[in-house]
Amino acid sequence: MITKPHLEQPRVGSLEGSHKLTRRAWPVEVASTMNILFSTTRQWNPGDEFIHRGILNLLRGSGLRFNSIAWNRHPSIRPGNTLLDNSYDELRHDPRSLDYVVFAGTPEWRGPRTDLLYRMIADNRLRCALIGIGGHGAPAGFTPSESAVLENQTDLITCRDRSTWSELSAKLSSTPVELLPCPSVFHATDPRQRQALARVGVIYQTVHTQWQTVTRQARDVLIEIIQRLSRQIETVVICNYIDEWSEASSIFGHDRVWYSHDSRDYEAAFLDIDCLVAARVHGCLGAIGTGAPAILIDWETDMRRQGIADEIPVLEKGATDNPASVVETVLGLDAAARSAEVLEWRQQQWQRYQPVLRHLSILNRPRSEGSLAAEPDQDAIRRQLAANDAKSRAINAPKRVPLVRRLGPKIKRAARKIGL
């Protein structure tokens, strides 16, 4: 049968423990609080948010204290649109308030959605790091701003696939480039070892979500896997996107599907299953991050999925053209043993990251003495507020629309009424 998971909120307490994230990996002197801008997405791809959250845990584990500020690469916002979405806006916000920039993974670490960000970094002489980045298998060409920042203002690049690592190692002579697993495996703060195979999760995907589709063959295979598994074990249908939730609810029944608009809820969903099957590679890594074994399908012709999966030896690859064998693999799984392997590997990768992160210049800034900063004088405050007011008026001033453009729709409506 197919059931919803019995969700409980994960305990977000101490990160200490053999398989839990270590809060302080080495003694380091850092500034009290910094402002770090993260290139990521919000309310678009839960996988991007798993990556972002994994990087946050890595940085906090190094002893950093910081404000996390988003440069939102959501396709509705960049390039070209400005929305009041509570993320950084280069028109309204002052880059002098930023201490550092981190590109949080994904293939969109360069290109149109980050062009303004690279130019802002270059113009304001900010330092940055690119953590967990990857590609689609094709060579990357750089704009002048990208080249300047990557060569001269970047402390560290970690790549999640061997192809990107090899290419950037050859192109960048002065920037450290390392090959490490995708940091999304650190998104969860309280992983647990499974004891037996009692509940399986399958991430459903549709062919209708723009930029996030699977082939019709992969969709049909997912449906068959869900149907086969549900006849033999408790099976949870998990959706990452609203389109998938809608379609899955119409197929399997609305009470049999789990979905949340908040990516933080997926930690609890993954903690509630003992194994995951998915064509979403970051869905699999999300499950691995909680200690659950995972099986990836529909990877055979996707260079991005292949590259990421090749660096995750505990991620099993299933044959997309043989759903029966995928189901057989799931049902034959020794969940306790595989979960122990996953947790041990995850801890090893956490330790691999620690010395590499020492390249970050923000870890080498002197710690403040803890005293209150000197208060700016009242004249300085008034001058800054006046400048902010002037900038806001300029941004929000009504745009003068030419008369022809204003009257055009009215003329067209009038013409339609008289039959022209």
Foldseek 3Di string as FASTA:
>chain_A
DFAAFPFDADDQDAQDDDLGQAQAPDDFFFADEFEEEEEFAALPFLLRVLLVLLVVSLVRSNVYHYDYAYLHLHVVDPDPHDDPPRHDDPLQDDCVRHAEYEYREEQVPDDRSCPVVLVVCVVVVHAYEYEAYEHQLDDDDHDPSRVCRQAPRYLEYEYLFPSVQVRVPVVHPRHHYHYAARSSLQNDRAADFDQAAAEEEEEAADQPDPPDHDDPLLNVLSVVLQVVLVVPHHYAYEYEDPVRLVVCCVVVNNRRYDYDSDSSSVLRVLNRGLEYEYCDLSNQSSNLSRLHQYEHEPCPPGSRSVRNVVNPVLHHYDYSVCSVVVNVCSVPDSSRVSSVVSSVVSSVSSSVVVVSVVSDVSSRDHYDPPDDDDDDDPVVVVVVVVVSVVSVCVVPPDDDDDPCVVCVVVVVVVCVVVPD
